[in-house]
Amino acid sequence: NLSSKPAKHNITAAEQAVAMTALFVA
């Protein structure tokens, strides 16, 4: 039983870029 809802917290492009960079480096 899956339902899609809007995100509770919007993540900016800058935050996504920082997270992806940290993931790639790790």
mmCIF file of all heavy atoms, coordinates in Angstrom:
data_MODEL
# 
_entry.id   MODEL 
# 
loop_
_atom_site.group_PDB 
_atom_site.id 
_atom_site.type_symbol 
_atom_site.label_atom_id 
_atom_site.label_alt_id 
_atom_site.label_comp_id 
_atom_site.label_asym_id 
_atom_site.label_entity_id 
_atom_site.label_seq_id 
_atom_site.pdbx_PDB_ins_code 
_atom_site.Cartn_x 
_atom_site.Cartn_y 
_atom_site.Cartn_z 
_atom_site.occupancy 
_atom_site.B_iso_or_equiv 
_atom_site.pdbx_formal_charge 
_atom_site.auth_seq_id 
_atom_site.auth_comp_id 
_atom_site.auth_asym_id 
_atom_site.auth_atom_id 
_atom_site.pdbx_PDB_model_num 
ATOM 1   N N   . ASN A 1 1  ? 0.858  -1.185 0.000  1.00 0.00 ? 1  ASN A N   1 
ATOM 2   C CA  . ASN A 1 1  ? 0.000  0.000  0.000  1.00 0.00 ? 1  ASN A CA  1 
ATOM 3   C C   . ASN A 1 1  ? 0.893  1.233  0.000  1.00 0.00 ? 1  ASN A C   1 
ATOM 4   O O   . ASN A 1 1  ? 1.353  1.680  1.041  1.00 0.00 ? 1  ASN A O   1 
ATOM 5   C CB  . ASN A 1 1  ? -0.907 0.006  1.229  1.00 0.00 ? 1  ASN A CB  1 
ATOM 6   C CG  . ASN A 1 1  ? -1.903 -1.119 1.199  1.00 0.00 ? 1  ASN A CG  1 
ATOM 7   O OD1 . ASN A 1 1  ? -2.358 -1.498 0.127  1.00 0.00 ? 1  ASN A OD1 1 
ATOM 8   N ND2 . ASN A 1 1  ? -2.237 -1.660 2.354  1.00 0.00 ? 1  ASN A ND2 1 
ATOM 9   N N   . LEU A 1 2  ? 1.169  1.759  -1.187 1.00 0.00 ? 2  LEU A N   1 
ATOM 10  C CA  . LEU A 1 2  ? 2.025  2.925  -1.325 1.00 0.00 ? 2  LEU A CA  1 
ATOM 11  C C   . LEU A 1 2  ? 1.194  4.142  -1.669 1.00 0.00 ? 2  LEU A C   1 
ATOM 12  O O   . LEU A 1 2  ? 0.246  4.062  -2.440 1.00 0.00 ? 2  LEU A O   1 
ATOM 13  C CB  . LEU A 1 2  ? 3.060  2.706  -2.426 1.00 0.00 ? 2  LEU A CB  1 
ATOM 14  C CG  . LEU A 1 2  ? 4.045  1.572  -2.211 1.00 0.00 ? 2  LEU A CG  1 
ATOM 15  C CD1 . LEU A 1 2  ? 4.944  1.435  -3.433 1.00 0.00 ? 2  LEU A CD1 1 
ATOM 16  C CD2 . LEU A 1 2  ? 4.873  1.804  -0.980 1.00 0.00 ? 2  LEU A CD2 1 
ATOM 17  N N   . SER A 1 3  ? 1.556  5.243  -1.079 1.00 0.00 ? 3  SER A N   1 
ATOM 18  C CA  . SER A 1 3  ? 0.904  6.495  -1.441 1.00 0.00 ? 3  SER A CA  1 
ATOM 19  C C   . SER A 1 3  ? 1.979  7.566  -1.519 1.00 0.00 ? 3  SER A C   1 
ATOM 20  O O   . SER A 1 3  ? 2.912  7.591  -0.726 1.00 0.00 ? 3  SER A O   1 
ATOM 21  C CB  . SER A 1 3  ? -0.154 6.877  -0.406 1.00 0.00 ? 3  SER A CB  1 
ATOM 22  O OG  . SER A 1 3  ? 0.445  7.116  0.841  1.00 0.00 ? 3  SER A OG  1 
ATOM 23  N N   . SER A 1 4  ? 1.849  8.423  -2.488 1.00 0.00 ? 4  SER A N   1 
ATOM 24  C CA  . SER A 1 4  ? 2.841  9.487  -2.632 1.00 0.00 ? 4  SER A CA  1 
ATOM 25  C C   . SER A 1 4  ? 2.264  10.783 -2.098 1.00 0.00 ? 4  SER A C   1 
ATOM 26  O O   . SER A 1 4  ? 1.099  11.113 -2.324 1.00 0.00 ? 4  SER A O   1 
ATOM 27  C CB  . SER A 1 4  ? 3.251  9.641  -4.091 1.00 0.00 ? 4  SER A CB  1 
ATOM 28  O OG  . SER A 1 4  ? 2.134  9.982  -4.866 1.00 0.00 ? 4  SER A OG  1 
ATOM 29  N N   . LYS A 1 5  ? 3.077  11.465 -1.362 1.00 0.00 ? 5  LYS A N   1 
ATOM 30  C CA  . LYS A 1 5  ? 2.683  12.745 -0.773 1.00 0.00 ? 5  LYS A CA  1 
ATOM 31  C C   . LYS A 1 5  ? 3.774  13.759 -1.098 1.00 0.00 ? 5  LYS A C   1 
ATOM 32  O O   . LYS A 1 5  ? 4.903  13.380 -1.390 1.00 0.00 ? 5  LYS A O   1 
ATOM 33  C CB  . LYS A 1 5  ? 2.568  12.618 0.751  1.00 0.00 ? 5  LYS A CB  1 
ATOM 34  C CG  . LYS A 1 5  ? 1.507  11.655 1.217  1.00 0.00 ? 5  LYS A CG  1 
ATOM 35  C CD  . LYS A 1 5  ? 1.510  11.578 2.727  1.00 0.00 ? 5  LYS A CD  1 
ATOM 36  C CE  . LYS A 1 5  ? 0.495  10.546 3.196  1.00 0.00 ? 5  LYS A CE  1 
ATOM 37  N NZ  . LYS A 1 5  ? 0.522  10.397 4.651  1.00 0.00 ? 5  LYS A NZ  1 
ATOM 38  N N   . PRO A 1 6  ? 3.457  15.025 -1.021 1.00 0.00 ? 6  PRO A N   1 
ATOM 39  C CA  . PRO A 1 6  ? 4.502  16.038 -1.205 1.00 0.00 ? 6  PRO A CA  1 
ATOM 40  C C   . PRO A 1 6  ? 5.568  15.905 -0.115 1.00 0.00 ? 6  PRO A C   1 
ATOM 41  O O   . PRO A 1 6  ? 5.293  15.444 0.980  1.00 0.00 ? 6  PRO A O   1 
ATOM 42  C CB  . PRO A 1 6  ? 3.769  17.367 -1.081 1.00 0.00 ? 6  PRO A CB  1 
ATOM 43  C CG  . PRO A 1 6  ? 2.330  17.050 -1.220 1.00 0.00 ? 6  PRO A CG  1 
ATOM 44  C CD  . PRO A 1 6  ? 2.149  15.624 -0.833 1.00 0.00 ? 6  PRO A CD  1 
ATOM 45  N N   . ALA A 1 7  ? 6.774  16.303 -0.437 1.00 0.00 ? 7  ALA A N   1 
ATOM 46  C CA  . ALA A 1 7  ? 7.861  16.226 0.536  1.00 0.00 ? 7  ALA A CA  1 
ATOM 47  C C   . ALA A 1 7  ? 7.571  17.119 1.729  1.00 0.00 ? 7  ALA A C   1 
ATOM 48  O O   . ALA A 1 7  ? 7.004  18.203 1.597  1.00 0.00 ? 7  ALA A O   1 
ATOM 49  C CB  . ALA A 1 7  ? 9.164  16.644 -0.121 1.00 0.00 ? 7  ALA A CB  1 
ATOM 50  N N   . LYS A 1 8  ? 7.956  16.644 2.914  1.00 0.00 ? 8  LYS A N   1 
ATOM 51  C CA  . LYS A 1 8  ? 7.762  17.454 4.120  1.00 0.00 ? 8  LYS A CA  1 
ATOM 52  C C   . LYS A 1 8  ? 8.741  18.609 4.156  1.00 0.00 ? 8  LYS A C   1 
ATOM 53  O O   . LYS A 1 8  ? 8.433  19.688 4.656  1.00 0.00 ? 8  LYS A O   1 
ATOM 54  C CB  . LYS A 1 8  ? 7.941  16.584 5.368  1.00 0.00 ? 8  LYS A CB  1 
ATOM 55  C CG  . LYS A 1 8  ? 6.848  15.574 5.558  1.00 0.00 ? 8  LYS A CG  1 
ATOM 56  C CD  . LYS A 1 8  ? 7.063  14.756 6.813  1.00 0.00 ? 8  LYS A CD  1 
ATOM 57  C CE  . LYS A 1 8  ? 5.968  13.729 6.977  1.00 0.00 ? 8  LYS A CE  1 
ATOM 58  N NZ  . LYS A 1 8  ? 6.164  12.883 8.156  1.00 0.00 ? 8  LYS A NZ  1 
ATOM 59  N N   . HIS A 1 9  ? 9.959  18.373 3.660  1.00 0.00 ? 9  HIS A N   1 
ATOM 60  C CA  . HIS A 1 9  ? 10.991 19.405 3.646  1.00 0.00 ? 9  HIS A CA  1 
ATOM 61  C C   . HIS A 1 9  ? 11.536 19.510 2.227  1.00 0.00 ? 9  HIS A C   1 
ATOM 62  O O   . HIS A 1 9  ? 12.004 18.525 1.670  1.00 0.00 ? 9  HIS A O   1 
ATOM 63  C CB  . HIS A 1 9  ? 12.130 19.049 4.602  1.00 0.00 ? 9  HIS A CB  1 
ATOM 64  C CG  . HIS A 1 9  ? 11.680 18.783 6.002  1.00 0.00 ? 9  HIS A CG  1 
ATOM 65  N ND1 . HIS A 1 9  ? 11.300 19.791 6.858  1.00 0.00 ? 9  HIS A ND1 1 
ATOM 66  C CD2 . HIS A 1 9  ? 11.532 17.630 6.681  1.00 0.00 ? 9  HIS A CD2 1 
ATOM 67  C CE1 . HIS A 1 9  ? 10.947 19.261 8.011  1.00 0.00 ? 9  HIS A CE1 1 
ATOM 68  N NE2 . HIS A 1 9  ? 11.075 17.944 7.931  1.00 0.00 ? 9  HIS A NE2 1 
ATOM 69  N N   . ASN A 1 10 ? 11.499 20.695 1.678  1.00 0.00 ? 10 ASN A N   1 
ATOM 70  C CA  . ASN A 1 10 ? 12.076 20.905 0.356  1.00 0.00 ? 10 ASN A CA  1 
ATOM 71  C C   . ASN A 1 10 ? 13.589 21.007 0.474  1.00 0.00 ? 10 ASN A C   1 
ATOM 72  O O   . ASN A 1 10 ? 14.108 21.699 1.344  1.00 0.00 ? 10 ASN A O   1 
ATOM 73  C CB  . ASN A 1 10 ? 11.516 22.183 -0.276 1.00 0.00 ? 10 ASN A CB  1 
ATOM 74  C CG  . ASN A 1 10 ? 10.062 21.997 -0.667 1.00 0.00 ? 10 ASN A CG  1 
ATOM 75  O OD1 . ASN A 1 10 ? 9.639  20.889 -0.951 1.00 0.00 ? 10 ASN A OD1 1 
ATOM 76  N ND2 . ASN A 1 10 ? 9.312  23.089 -0.671 1.00 0.00 ? 10 ASN A ND2 1 
ATOM 77  N N   . ILE A 1 11 ? 14.296 20.296 -0.378 1.00 0.00 ? 11 ILE A N   1 
ATOM 78  C CA  . ILE A 1 11 ? 15.754 20.310 -0.372 1.00 0.00 ? 11 ILE A CA  1 
ATOM 79  C C   . ILE A 1 11 ? 16.210 21.113 -1.584 1.00 0.00 ? 11 ILE A C   1 
ATOM 80  O O   . ILE A 1 11 ? 15.810 20.827 -2.710 1.00 0.00 ? 11 ILE A O   1 
ATOM 81  C CB  . ILE A 1 11 ? 16.307 18.868 -0.431 1.00 0.00 ? 11 ILE A CB  1 
ATOM 82  C CG1 . ILE A 1 11 ? 15.834 18.092 0.793  1.00 0.00 ? 11 ILE A CG1 1 
ATOM 83  C CG2 . ILE A 1 11 ? 17.819 18.884 -0.504 1.00 0.00 ? 11 ILE A CG2 1 
ATOM 84  C CD1 . ILE A 1 11 ? 16.227 16.638 0.777  1.00 0.00 ? 11 ILE A CD1 1 
ATOM 85  N N   . THR A 1 12 ? 17.045 22.082 -1.328 1.00 0.00 ? 12 THR A N   1 
ATOM 86  C CA  . THR A 1 12 ? 17.510 22.951 -2.415 1.00 0.00 ? 12 THR A CA  1 
ATOM 87  C C   . THR A 1 12 ? 18.534 22.218 -3.271 1.00 0.00 ? 12 THR A C   1 
ATOM 88  O O   . THR A 1 12 ? 19.098 21.194 -2.878 1.00 0.00 ? 12 THR A O   1 
ATOM 89  C CB  . THR A 1 12 ? 18.145 24.228 -1.854 1.00 0.00 ? 12 THR A CB  1 
ATOM 90  O OG1 . THR A 1 12 ? 19.327 23.873 -1.135 1.00 0.00 ? 12 THR A OG1 1 
ATOM 91  C CG2 . THR A 1 12 ? 17.188 24.981 -0.932 1.00 0.00 ? 12 THR A CG2 1 
ATOM 92  N N   . ALA A 1 13 ? 18.791 22.774 -4.440 1.00 0.00 ? 13 ALA A N   1 
ATOM 93  C CA  . ALA A 1 13 ? 19.775 22.191 -5.346 1.00 0.00 ? 13 ALA A CA  1 
ATOM 94  C C   . ALA A 1 13 ? 21.165 22.215 -4.719 1.00 0.00 ? 13 ALA A C   1 
ATOM 95  O O   . ALA A 1 13 ? 21.956 21.286 -4.905 1.00 0.00 ? 13 ALA A O   1 
ATOM 96  C CB  . ALA A 1 13 ? 19.772 22.938 -6.675 1.00 0.00 ? 13 ALA A CB  1 
ATOM 97  N N   . ALA A 1 14 ? 21.472 23.260 -3.965 1.00 0.00 ? 14 ALA A N   1 
ATOM 98  C CA  . ALA A 1 14 ? 22.779 23.358 -3.309 1.00 0.00 ? 14 ALA A CA  1 
ATOM 99  C C   . ALA A 1 14 ? 22.932 22.245 -2.272 1.00 0.00 ? 14 ALA A C   1 
ATOM 100 O O   . ALA A 1 14 ? 23.997 21.619 -2.164 1.00 0.00 ? 14 ALA A O   1 
ATOM 101 C CB  . ALA A 1 14 ? 22.943 24.720 -2.658 1.00 0.00 ? 14 ALA A CB  1 
ATOM 102 N N   . GLU A 1 15 ? 21.885 21.997 -1.497 1.00 0.00 ? 15 GLU A N   1 
ATOM 103 C CA  . GLU A 1 15 ? 21.937 20.922 -0.505 1.00 0.00 ? 15 GLU A CA  1 
ATOM 104 C C   . GLU A 1 15 ? 22.107 19.560 -1.178 1.00 0.00 ? 15 GLU A C   1 
ATOM 105 O O   . GLU A 1 15 ? 22.850 18.704 -0.700 1.00 0.00 ? 15 GLU A O   1 
ATOM 106 C CB  . GLU A 1 15 ? 20.676 20.926 0.358  1.00 0.00 ? 15 GLU A CB  1 
ATOM 107 C CG  . GLU A 1 15 ? 20.576 22.106 1.297  1.00 0.00 ? 15 GLU A CG  1 
ATOM 108 C CD  . GLU A 1 15 ? 19.231 22.188 2.003  1.00 0.00 ? 15 GLU A CD  1 
ATOM 109 O OE1 . GLU A 1 15 ? 18.208 21.740 1.426  1.00 0.00 ? 15 GLU A OE1 1 
ATOM 110 O OE2 . GLU A 1 15 ? 19.208 22.705 3.134  1.00 0.00 ? 15 GLU A OE2 1 
ATOM 111 N N   . GLN A 1 16 ? 21.429 19.366 -2.304 1.00 0.00 ? 16 GLN A N   1 
ATOM 112 C CA  . GLN A 1 16 ? 21.572 18.113 -3.044 1.00 0.00 ? 16 GLN A CA  1 
ATOM 113 C C   . GLN A 1 16 ? 22.993 17.962 -3.570 1.00 0.00 ? 16 GLN A C   1 
ATOM 114 O O   . GLN A 1 16 ? 23.566 16.866 -3.523 1.00 0.00 ? 16 GLN A O   1 
ATOM 115 C CB  . GLN A 1 16 ? 20.579 18.073 -4.200 1.00 0.00 ? 16 GLN A CB  1 
ATOM 116 C CG  . GLN A 1 16 ? 19.144 17.911 -3.759 1.00 0.00 ? 16 GLN A CG  1 
ATOM 117 C CD  . GLN A 1 16 ? 18.182 17.922 -4.933 1.00 0.00 ? 16 GLN A CD  1 
ATOM 118 O OE1 . GLN A 1 16 ? 18.598 17.862 -6.088 1.00 0.00 ? 16 GLN A OE1 1 
ATOM 119 N NE2 . GLN A 1 16 ? 16.907 17.997 -4.643 1.00 0.00 ? 16 GLN A NE2 1 
ATOM 120 N N   . ALA A 1 17 ? 23.563 19.051 -4.071 1.00 0.00 ? 17 ALA A N   1 
ATOM 121 C CA  . ALA A 1 17 ? 24.924 19.008 -4.595 1.00 0.00 ? 17 ALA A CA  1 
ATOM 122 C C   . ALA A 1 17 ? 25.918 18.670 -3.488 1.00 0.00 ? 17 ALA A C   1 
ATOM 123 O O   . ALA A 1 17 ? 26.835 17.856 -3.694 1.00 0.00 ? 17 ALA A O   1 
ATOM 124 C CB  . ALA A 1 17 ? 25.287 20.334 -5.249 1.00 0.00 ? 17 ALA A CB  1 
ATOM 125 N N   . VAL A 1 18 ? 25.756 19.258 -2.323 1.00 0.00 ? 18 VAL A N   1 
ATOM 126 C CA  . VAL A 1 18 ? 26.650 18.969 -1.197 1.00 0.00 ? 18 VAL A CA  1 
ATOM 127 C C   . VAL A 1 18 ? 26.513 17.513 -0.779 1.00 0.00 ? 18 VAL A C   1 
ATOM 128 O O   . VAL A 1 18 ? 27.515 16.825 -0.544 1.00 0.00 ? 18 VAL A O   1 
ATOM 129 C CB  . VAL A 1 18 ? 26.353 19.915 -0.008 1.00 0.00 ? 18 VAL A CB  1 
ATOM 130 C CG1 . VAL A 1 18 ? 27.056 19.452 1.255  1.00 0.00 ? 18 VAL A CG1 1 
ATOM 131 C CG2 . VAL A 1 18 ? 26.757 21.340 -0.352 1.00 0.00 ? 18 VAL A CG2 1 
ATOM 132 N N   . ALA A 1 19 ? 25.292 17.019 -0.703 1.00 0.00 ? 19 ALA A N   1 
ATOM 133 C CA  . ALA A 1 19 ? 25.069 15.629 -0.303 1.00 0.00 ? 19 ALA A CA  1 
ATOM 134 C C   . ALA A 1 19 ? 25.666 14.660 -1.315 1.00 0.00 ? 19 ALA A C   1 
ATOM 135 O O   . ALA A 1 19 ? 26.312 13.668 -0.934 1.00 0.00 ? 19 ALA A O   1 
ATOM 136 C CB  . ALA A 1 19 ? 23.573 15.379 -0.132 1.00 0.00 ? 19 ALA A CB  1 
ATOM 137 N N   . MET A 1 20 ? 25.476 14.914 -2.599 1.00 0.00 ? 20 MET A N   1 
ATOM 138 C CA  . MET A 1 20 ? 26.018 14.027 -3.633 1.00 0.00 ? 20 MET A CA  1 
ATOM 139 C C   . MET A 1 20 ? 27.545 14.058 -3.630 1.00 0.00 ? 20 MET A C   1 
ATOM 140 O O   . MET A 1 20 ? 28.198 13.023 -3.784 1.00 0.00 ? 20 MET A O   1 
ATOM 141 C CB  . MET A 1 20 ? 25.480 14.417 -5.006 1.00 0.00 ? 20 MET A CB  1 
ATOM 142 C CG  . MET A 1 20 ? 24.000 14.151 -5.175 1.00 0.00 ? 20 MET A CG  1 
ATOM 143 S SD  . MET A 1 20 ? 23.560 12.430 -4.975 1.00 0.00 ? 20 MET A SD  1 
ATOM 144 C CE  . MET A 1 20 ? 24.187 11.751 -6.471 1.00 0.00 ? 20 MET A CE  1 
ATOM 145 N N   . THR A 1 21 ? 28.128 15.245 -3.438 1.00 0.00 ? 21 THR A N   1 
ATOM 146 C CA  . THR A 1 21 ? 29.585 15.359 -3.370 1.00 0.00 ? 21 THR A CA  1 
ATOM 147 C C   . THR A 1 21 ? 30.130 14.569 -2.191 1.00 0.00 ? 21 THR A C   1 
ATOM 148 O O   . THR A 1 21 ? 31.119 13.836 -2.320 1.00 0.00 ? 21 THR A O   1 
ATOM 149 C CB  . THR A 1 21 ? 30.007 16.835 -3.262 1.00 0.00 ? 21 THR A CB  1 
ATOM 150 O OG1 . THR A 1 21 ? 29.472 17.546 -4.392 1.00 0.00 ? 21 THR A OG1 1 
ATOM 151 C CG2 . THR A 1 21 ? 31.504 16.989 -3.206 1.00 0.00 ? 21 THR A CG2 1 
ATOM 152 N N   . ALA A 1 22 ? 29.487 14.694 -1.035 1.00 0.00 ? 22 ALA A N   1 
ATOM 153 C CA  . ALA A 1 22 ? 29.926 13.948 0.143  1.00 0.00 ? 22 ALA A CA  1 
ATOM 154 C C   . ALA A 1 22 ? 29.811 12.449 -0.089 1.00 0.00 ? 22 ALA A C   1 
ATOM 155 O O   . ALA A 1 22 ? 30.703 11.681 0.299  1.00 0.00 ? 22 ALA A O   1 
ATOM 156 C CB  . ALA A 1 22 ? 29.098 14.364 1.358  1.00 0.00 ? 22 ALA A CB  1 
ATOM 157 N N   . LEU A 1 23 ? 28.759 12.028 -0.745 1.00 0.00 ? 23 LEU A N   1 
ATOM 158 C CA  . LEU A 1 23 ? 28.564 10.607 -1.030 1.00 0.00 ? 23 LEU A CA  1 
ATOM 159 C C   . LEU A 1 23 ? 29.657 10.095 -1.967 1.00 0.00 ? 23 LEU A C   1 
ATOM 160 O O   . LEU A 1 23 ? 30.251 9.041  -1.719 1.00 0.00 ? 23 LEU A O   1 
ATOM 161 C CB  . LEU A 1 23 ? 27.176 10.390 -1.647 1.00 0.00 ? 23 LEU A CB  1 
ATOM 162 C CG  . LEU A 1 23 ? 26.799 8.958  -1.977 1.00 0.00 ? 23 LEU A CG  1 
ATOM 163 C CD1 . LEU A 1 23 ? 26.646 8.144  -0.710 1.00 0.00 ? 23 LEU A CD1 1 
ATOM 164 C CD2 . LEU A 1 23 ? 25.512 8.934  -2.767 1.00 0.00 ? 23 LEU A CD2 1 
ATOM 165 N N   . PHE A 1 24 ? 29.925 10.828 -3.031 1.00 0.00 ? 24 PHE A N   1 
ATOM 166 C CA  . PHE A 1 24 ? 30.957 10.409 -3.980 1.00 0.00 ? 24 PHE A CA  1 
ATOM 167 C C   . PHE A 1 24 ? 32.334 10.369 -3.326 1.00 0.00 ? 24 PHE A C   1 
ATOM 168 O O   . PHE A 1 24 ? 33.110 9.450  -3.560 1.00 0.00 ? 24 PHE A O   1 
ATOM 169 C CB  . PHE A 1 24 ? 30.985 11.324 -5.205 1.00 0.00 ? 24 PHE A CB  1 
ATOM 170 C CG  . PHE A 1 24 ? 29.812 11.127 -6.120 1.00 0.00 ? 24 PHE A CG  1 
ATOM 171 C CD1 . PHE A 1 24 ? 29.168 12.211 -6.678 1.00 0.00 ? 24 PHE A CD1 1 
ATOM 172 C CD2 . PHE A 1 24 ? 29.343 9.863  -6.431 1.00 0.00 ? 24 PHE A CD2 1 
ATOM 173 C CE1 . PHE A 1 24 ? 28.083 12.041 -7.531 1.00 0.00 ? 24 PHE A CE1 1 
ATOM 174 C CE2 . PHE A 1 24 ? 28.263 9.682  -7.277 1.00 0.00 ? 24 PHE A CE2 1 
ATOM 175 C CZ  . PHE A 1 24 ? 27.636 10.768 -7.824 1.00 0.00 ? 24 PHE A CZ  1 
ATOM 176 N N   . VAL A 1 25 ? 32.644 11.365 -2.502 1.00 0.00 ? 25 VAL A N   1 
ATOM 177 C CA  . VAL A 1 25 ? 33.943 11.391 -1.832 1.00 0.00 ? 25 VAL A CA  1 
ATOM 178 C C   . VAL A 1 25 ? 34.057 10.221 -0.852 1.00 0.00 ? 25 VAL A C   1 
ATOM 179 O O   . VAL A 1 25 ? 35.099 9.567  -0.776 1.00 0.00 ? 25 VAL A O   1 
ATOM 180 C CB  . VAL A 1 25 ? 34.159 12.741 -1.111 1.00 0.00 ? 25 VAL A CB  1 
ATOM 181 C CG1 . VAL A 1 25 ? 35.339 12.692 -0.162 1.00 0.00 ? 25 VAL A CG1 1 
ATOM 182 C CG2 . VAL A 1 25 ? 34.336 13.852 -2.131 1.00 0.00 ? 25 VAL A CG2 1 
ATOM 183 N N   . ALA A 1 26 ? 32.970 9.937  -0.136 1.00 0.00 ? 26 ALA A N   1 
ATOM 184 C CA  . ALA A 1 26 ? 33.007 8.846  0.836  1.00 0.00 ? 26 ALA A CA  1 
ATOM 185 C C   . ALA A 1 26 ? 33.178 7.490  0.167  1.00 0.00 ? 26 ALA A C   1 
ATOM 186 O O   . ALA A 1 26 ? 33.828 6.596  0.711  1.00 0.00 ? 26 ALA A O   1 
ATOM 187 C CB  . ALA A 1 26 ? 31.719 8.854  1.669  1.00 0.00 ? 26 ALA A CB  1 
# 
